[in-house]
Protein backbone atom coordinates (compact mmCIF):
# COMPACT_ATOMS: atom_id res chain seq x y z
CA UNK A 1 0.07 -0.01 -0.02
CA UNK A 2 2.80 2.70 0.78
CA UNK A 3 4.88 1.56 -2.18
CA UNK A 4 1.60 2.23 -4.48
CA UNK A 5 1.02 5.68 -2.38
CA UNK A 6 4.74 6.56 -3.11
CA UNK A 7 4.58 5.74 -6.95
CA UNK A 8 1.57 7.51 -6.96
CA UNK A 9 2.99 10.97 -5.79
CA UNK A 10 6.01 10.36 -7.83
CA UNK A 11 4.21 9.95 -11.28
CA UNK A 12 1.73 13.13 -10.39
CA UNK A 13 4.46 15.35 -9.66
CA UNK A 14 6.51 13.78 -12.88
CA UNK A 15 3.67 14.09 -14.88
CA UNK A 16 3.26 17.89 -14.18
CA UNK A 17 7.50 18.22 -14.37
CA UNK A 18 7.03 16.75 -17.80
CA UNK A 19 3.72 18.07 -19.04
CA UNK A 20 2.70 14.49 -19.28
CA UNK A 21 -1.09 13.99 -19.14
CA UNK A 22 -0.90 10.20 -19.33
CA UNK A 23 1.25 9.88 -16.01
CA UNK A 24 -1.04 12.33 -13.82
CA UNK A 25 -3.49 10.18 -15.30
CA UNK A 26 -1.71 6.90 -14.36
CA UNK A 27 -1.54 8.60 -10.84
CA UNK A 28 -5.24 9.14 -10.94
CA UNK A 29 -5.15 5.21 -11.78
CA UNK A 30 -2.99 4.52 -9.00
CA UNK A 31 -5.30 6.56 -6.36
CA UNK A 32 -8.21 3.67 -7.25
CA UNK A 33 -6.21 1.21 -6.69
CA UNK A 34 -4.62 3.14 -3.12
CA UNK A 35 -7.80 3.42 -2.39
CA UNK A 36 -8.88 -0.79 -2.81
CA UNK A 37 -6.12 -1.62 -0.94
CA UNK A 38 -6.90 0.60 1.67
CA UNK A 39 -10.43 -0.84 2.16
CA UNK A 40 -9.09 -3.76 2.30
CA UNK A 41 -7.00 -3.01 5.53
CA UNK A 42 -10.01 -1.04 6.81
CA UNK A 43 -12.18 -3.71 6.54
CA UNK A 44 -9.64 -5.91 8.58
CA UNK A 45 -9.58 -3.27 11.36
CA UNK A 46 -13.20 -2.79 11.12
CA UNK A 47 -13.95 -6.20 11.55
CA UNK A 48 -11.45 -6.57 15.01
CA UNK A 49 -13.69 -3.48 16.55
CA UNK A 50 -16.05 -4.25 19.35
CA UNK A 51 -19.83 -3.46 18.57
CA UNK A 52 -21.76 -1.39 21.20
CA UNK A 53 -25.43 -1.35 22.04
CA UNK A 54 -25.60 2.00 20.05
CA UNK A 55 -23.90 0.54 16.76
CA UNK A 56 -24.87 -3.30 16.64
CA UNK A 57 -23.39 -4.07 13.62
CA UNK A 58 -20.27 -2.01 14.13
CA UNK A 59 -18.64 0.64 11.75
CA UNK A 60 -18.64 -1.73 8.73
CA UNK A 61 -20.80 0.63 6.51
CA UNK A 62 -17.89 3.60 7.34
CA UNK A 63 -16.31 1.61 4.21
CA UNK A 64 -19.30 2.16 2.22
CA UNK A 65 -19.27 5.74 2.72
CA UNK A 66 -16.09 6.35 2.25
CA UNK A 67 -15.99 4.40 -1.12
CA UNK A 68 -18.95 6.63 -1.77
CA UNK A 69 -17.16 9.96 -1.52
CA UNK A 70 -14.13 8.08 -3.26
CA UNK A 71 -15.95 7.78 -6.35
CA UNK A 72 -17.56 10.91 -6.66
CA UNK A 73 -13.99 12.33 -6.29
CA UNK A 74 -12.76 10.12 -8.99
CA UNK A 75 -15.04 11.06 -11.35
CA UNK A 76 -14.20 14.77 -10.78
CA UNK A 77 -11.00 13.98 -11.42
CA UNK A 78 -11.51 12.43 -14.57
CA UNK A 79 -13.69 15.09 -16.23
CA UNK A 80 -10.67 17.81 -14.91
CA UNK A 81 -8.05 15.31 -16.57
CA UNK A 82 -10.23 14.39 -19.95
CA UNK A 83 -10.79 18.17 -20.39
CA UNK A 84 -6.85 18.84 -20.27
CA UNK A 85 -6.60 16.01 -22.50
CA UNK A 86 -9.16 17.43 -24.98
CA UNK A 87 -6.88 21.10 -24.84
CA UNK A 88 -3.73 18.69 -25.80
CA UNK A 89 -5.23 16.68 -28.35
CA UNK A 90 -6.14 19.97 -30.52
CA UNK A 91 -2.73 21.71 -29.95
CA UNK A 92 -0.42 18.71 -28.92
CA UNK A 93 2.48 20.02 -26.59
CA UNK A 94 6.06 18.98 -26.41
CA UNK A 95 7.09 17.04 -23.23
CA UNK A 96 10.15 15.24 -21.68
CA UNK A 97 9.91 11.91 -22.95
CA UNK A 98 13.03 10.40 -21.70
CA UNK A 99 12.11 11.53 -18.25
CA UNK A 100 8.36 10.16 -18.73
CA UNK A 101 9.92 6.81 -19.55
CA UNK A 102 11.89 6.45 -16.93
CA UNK A 103 9.00 7.07 -14.51
CA UNK A 104 6.58 5.00 -16.18
CA UNK A 105 9.00 2.11 -15.94
CA UNK A 106 9.62 2.87 -12.53
CA UNK A 107 5.67 2.73 -12.10
CA UNK A 108 5.26 -0.76 -13.74
CA UNK A 109 8.36 -1.95 -11.55
CA UNK A 110 6.10 -1.08 -8.27
CA UNK A 111 3.02 -2.33 -9.89
CA UNK A 112 5.22 -5.56 -10.47
CA UNK A 113 6.22 -5.76 -7.33
CA UNK A 114 2.88 -4.98 -5.32
CA UNK A 115 1.17 -7.50 -7.35
CA UNK A 116 3.50 -10.16 -6.85
CA UNK A 117 3.08 -9.53 -2.83
CA UNK A 118 -0.39 -9.41 -3.26
CA UNK A 119 -0.48 -12.40 -5.55
CA UNK A 120 1.12 -15.03 -2.74
CA UNK A 121 -1.95 -14.01 -0.71
CA UNK A 122 -5.21 -13.16 -2.94
CA UNK A 123 -7.09 -16.48 -2.16
CA UNK A 124 -7.30 -15.80 1.72
CA UNK A 125 -9.28 -12.79 1.51
CA UNK A 126 -12.00 -11.41 -1.07
CA UNK A 127 -11.03 -8.02 -0.84
CA UNK A 128 -7.07 -8.74 -1.29
CA UNK A 129 -7.93 -10.73 -4.46
CA UNK A 130 -9.83 -7.35 -5.49
CA UNK A 131 -7.13 -5.18 -4.78
CA UNK A 132 -4.70 -7.84 -6.78
CA UNK A 133 -7.10 -7.43 -9.81
CA UNK A 134 -6.77 -3.97 -9.69
CA UNK A 135 -3.09 -3.52 -9.37
CA UNK A 136 -3.09 -5.96 -12.72
CA UNK A 137 -4.95 -3.20 -14.87
CA UNK A 138 -2.93 -0.50 -13.28
CA UNK A 139 0.13 -2.77 -14.89
CA UNK A 140 -1.58 -2.69 -18.23
CA UNK A 141 -1.83 0.91 -18.02
CA UNK A 142 1.73 1.42 -16.94
CA UNK A 143 3.11 -0.69 -19.95
CA UNK A 144 0.73 1.04 -22.25
CA UNK A 145 2.80 4.65 -21.13
CA UNK A 146 5.69 3.17 -21.46
CA UNK A 147 5.00 2.14 -25.29
CA UNK A 148 3.58 5.60 -25.81
CA UNK A 149 6.97 7.43 -24.14
CA UNK A 150 9.30 5.20 -26.55
CA UNK A 151 6.65 5.95 -29.69
CA UNK A 152 6.85 9.71 -28.72
CA UNK A 153 10.84 9.76 -28.70
CA UNK A 154 11.13 8.44 -32.51
CA UNK A 155 8.22 10.00 -33.77
CA UNK A 156 7.56 13.46 -31.87
CA UNK A 157 3.54 12.47 -32.14
CA UNK A 158 2.82 14.11 -28.57
CA UNK A 159 -0.82 13.55 -29.30
CA UNK A 160 -0.18 10.20 -28.30
CA UNK A 161 0.15 11.48 -24.38
CA UNK A 162 -3.45 12.96 -24.00
CA UNK A 163 -4.76 10.06 -26.03
CA UNK A 164 -3.44 7.48 -23.42
CA UNK A 165 -4.66 9.63 -20.58
CA UNK A 166 -8.01 9.56 -22.25
CA UNK A 167 -7.88 5.98 -22.36
CA UNK A 168 -6.50 5.67 -18.69
CA UNK A 169 -9.40 7.97 -17.68
CA UNK A 170 -12.48 5.84 -19.37
CA UNK A 171 -11.01 2.64 -17.47
CA UNK A 172 -11.15 4.74 -14.29
CA UNK A 173 -14.59 6.04 -15.03
CA UNK A 174 -15.42 2.53 -15.05
CA UNK A 175 -14.27 1.28 -11.88
CA UNK A 176 -15.91 4.71 -10.43
CA UNK A 177 -19.11 3.83 -11.76
CA UNK A 178 -18.92 -0.02 -10.36
CA UNK A 179 -17.61 1.79 -6.72
CA UNK A 180 -20.47 4.40 -6.60
CA UNK A 181 -23.14 1.09 -7.85
CA UNK A 182 -21.86 -1.10 -4.93
CA UNK A 183 -21.47 1.44 -2.39
CA UNK A 184 -24.89 3.24 -3.06
CA UNK A 185 -26.45 -0.05 -2.86
CA UNK A 186 -25.23 -0.89 0.14
CA UNK A 187 -26.03 2.20 1.94
CA UNK A 188 -29.95 1.76 0.42
CA UNK A 189 -30.02 -1.51 1.88
CA UNK A 190 -30.66 -3.21 -1.48
CA UNK A 191 -30.39 -7.00 -1.81
CA UNK A 192 -27.13 -8.20 -2.51
CA UNK A 193 -26.51 -8.49 -6.59
CA UNK A 194 -26.44 -12.48 -6.42
CA UNK A 195 -29.33 -12.87 -3.92
CA UNK A 196 -32.59 -13.34 -5.32
CA UNK A 197 -35.82 -13.23 -2.98
CA UNK A 198 -38.05 -15.33 -4.89
CA UNK A 199 -35.12 -18.03 -5.20
CA UNK A 200 -34.49 -17.53 -1.24
CA UNK A 201 -38.53 -18.50 -1.01
CA UNK A 202 -38.18 -21.05 -3.43
CA UNK A 203 -35.59 -22.59 -1.52
CA UNK A 204 -36.80 -22.42 2.05
CA UNK A 205 -40.13 -24.12 1.16
CA UNK A 206 -38.15 -27.05 -1.05
CA UNK A 207 -35.51 -27.81 1.61
CA UNK A 208 -37.33 -27.08 4.81
CA UNK A 209 -39.90 -29.14 6.28
CA UNK A 210 -42.86 -27.86 8.09
CA UNK A 211 -42.89 -24.72 6.35
CA UNK A 212 -46.70 -23.71 4.96
CA UNK A 213 -45.64 -19.96 3.85
CA UNK A 214 -42.50 -17.95 3.50
CA UNK A 215 -43.28 -14.19 3.46
CA UNK A 216 -41.93 -10.72 4.41
CA UNK A 217 -38.68 -11.47 3.27
CA UNK A 218 -35.73 -8.98 3.61
CA UNK A 219 -32.19 -9.32 2.81
CA UNK A 220 -30.14 -6.75 2.86
CA UNK A 221 -25.66 -5.98 2.49
CA UNK A 222 -24.22 -4.89 6.24
CA UNK A 223 -20.82 -4.00 4.31
CA UNK A 224 -18.81 -6.06 1.87
CA UNK A 225 -19.53 -9.58 2.09
CA UNK A 226 -21.70 -9.24 4.91
CA UNK A 227 -25.65 -10.22 4.60
CA UNK A 228 -28.70 -9.94 7.13
CA UNK A 229 -32.21 -11.46 6.41
CA UNK A 230 -35.70 -10.97 8.19
CA UNK A 231 -38.21 -13.48 7.47
CA UNK A 232 -41.53 -14.78 8.18
CA UNK A 233 -42.06 -18.60 8.47
CA UNK A 234 -46.04 -20.03 8.81
CA UNK A 235 -45.52 -23.28 10.32
CA UNK A 236 -48.01 -26.38 9.68
CA UNK A 237 -50.56 -26.95 11.88
CA UNK A 238 -49.30 -30.25 13.06
CA UNK A 239 -46.19 -28.16 14.39
CA UNK A 240 -45.21 -27.72 18.11
CA UNK A 241 -43.89 -24.60 19.55
CA UNK A 242 -40.57 -26.90 20.12
CA UNK A 243 -40.50 -27.72 16.59
CA UNK A 244 -39.66 -24.14 15.58
CA UNK A 245 -36.55 -24.27 16.95
CA UNK A 246 -35.19 -27.14 14.85
CA UNK A 247 -36.71 -25.56 11.69
CA UNK A 248 -35.07 -22.36 12.55
CA UNK A 249 -31.82 -24.18 13.14
CA UNK A 250 -32.36 -25.53 9.50
CA UNK A 251 -33.23 -22.20 8.25
CA UNK A 252 -29.97 -20.47 9.31
CA UNK A 253 -28.02 -23.41 8.69
CA UNK A 254 -29.44 -23.20 4.79
CA UNK A 255 -29.03 -19.58 4.24
CA UNK A 256 -25.25 -19.70 5.67
CA UNK A 257 -24.39 -22.38 3.02
CA UNK A 258 -26.11 -21.13 0.44
CA UNK A 259 -26.16 -17.30 0.55
CA UNK A 260 -23.36 -16.87 3.10
CA UNK A 261 -25.95 -14.75 5.08
CA UNK A 262 -24.99 -14.68 8.53
CA UNK A 263 -27.36 -12.51 10.29
CA UNK A 264 -30.96 -14.56 10.04
CA UNK A 265 -33.90 -13.05 12.22
CA UNK A 266 -36.87 -15.78 11.81
CA UNK A 267 -40.45 -14.64 13.24
CA UNK A 268 -42.70 -17.89 13.36
CA UNK A 269 -46.74 -17.77 12.70
CA UNK A 270 -49.64 -19.89 12.83
CA UNK A 271 -51.61 -20.75 9.74
CA UNK A 272 -54.60 -18.17 9.85
CA UNK A 273 -52.44 -15.61 12.05
CA UNK A 274 -50.03 -14.31 9.41
CA UNK A 275 -49.18 -10.48 10.46
CA UNK A 276 -48.49 -8.54 6.59
């Protein structure tokens, strides 16, 4: 994470000094991946914090709030860089391509080292795996800048620099869009995108015996990969109160194994007395 942050600062300053908009864009691209690494680190810290009576789910949603702010910031940055690129495409400006090449190679090496470090542990945690994939895309953009600097050196086609910056900005916008969508869905307590409420109801009726009906199902994402669910279960007439304990355990086990829902709150009802 420190490697990525340090190289981000170096690329930003070098981009200003060499007049390379591609380096500035790549610095912004590195910002997205530094943020991904920071989120992974913060997720571990939040998971270790004790919950309280006022915050029974802890501070997990601080991650989503920070992601929302970061996504909005990235969009503003990319539009500013895009405007600068437009001006340079209309009127190309000379730049220091040798210095640009040196910094781009350094950025490529940092990305490769960071990716190698994360590659060893990428399967241990989904957040780390996500950060690893982001670093791979940053590595590709560094390769493009290295190639662009070489072409500029031999051809003096300075327009390549703003064109590369536009391509990098498009990658950032795609990442920012996904970031905004995911963080907004979490903050709005939307159902996780891989879980369908109708499918959950069908799964319960098919796999848990003694159920008459399933309704008032609410599933939401507390934080990344942390899901909660409330559900009303109508049991059959021949079921006693003591039977509900076994049904509850079966439902919780099924939701955890099939949908990774760790917090399931169940309300049992008798036929004819359902609360709607």
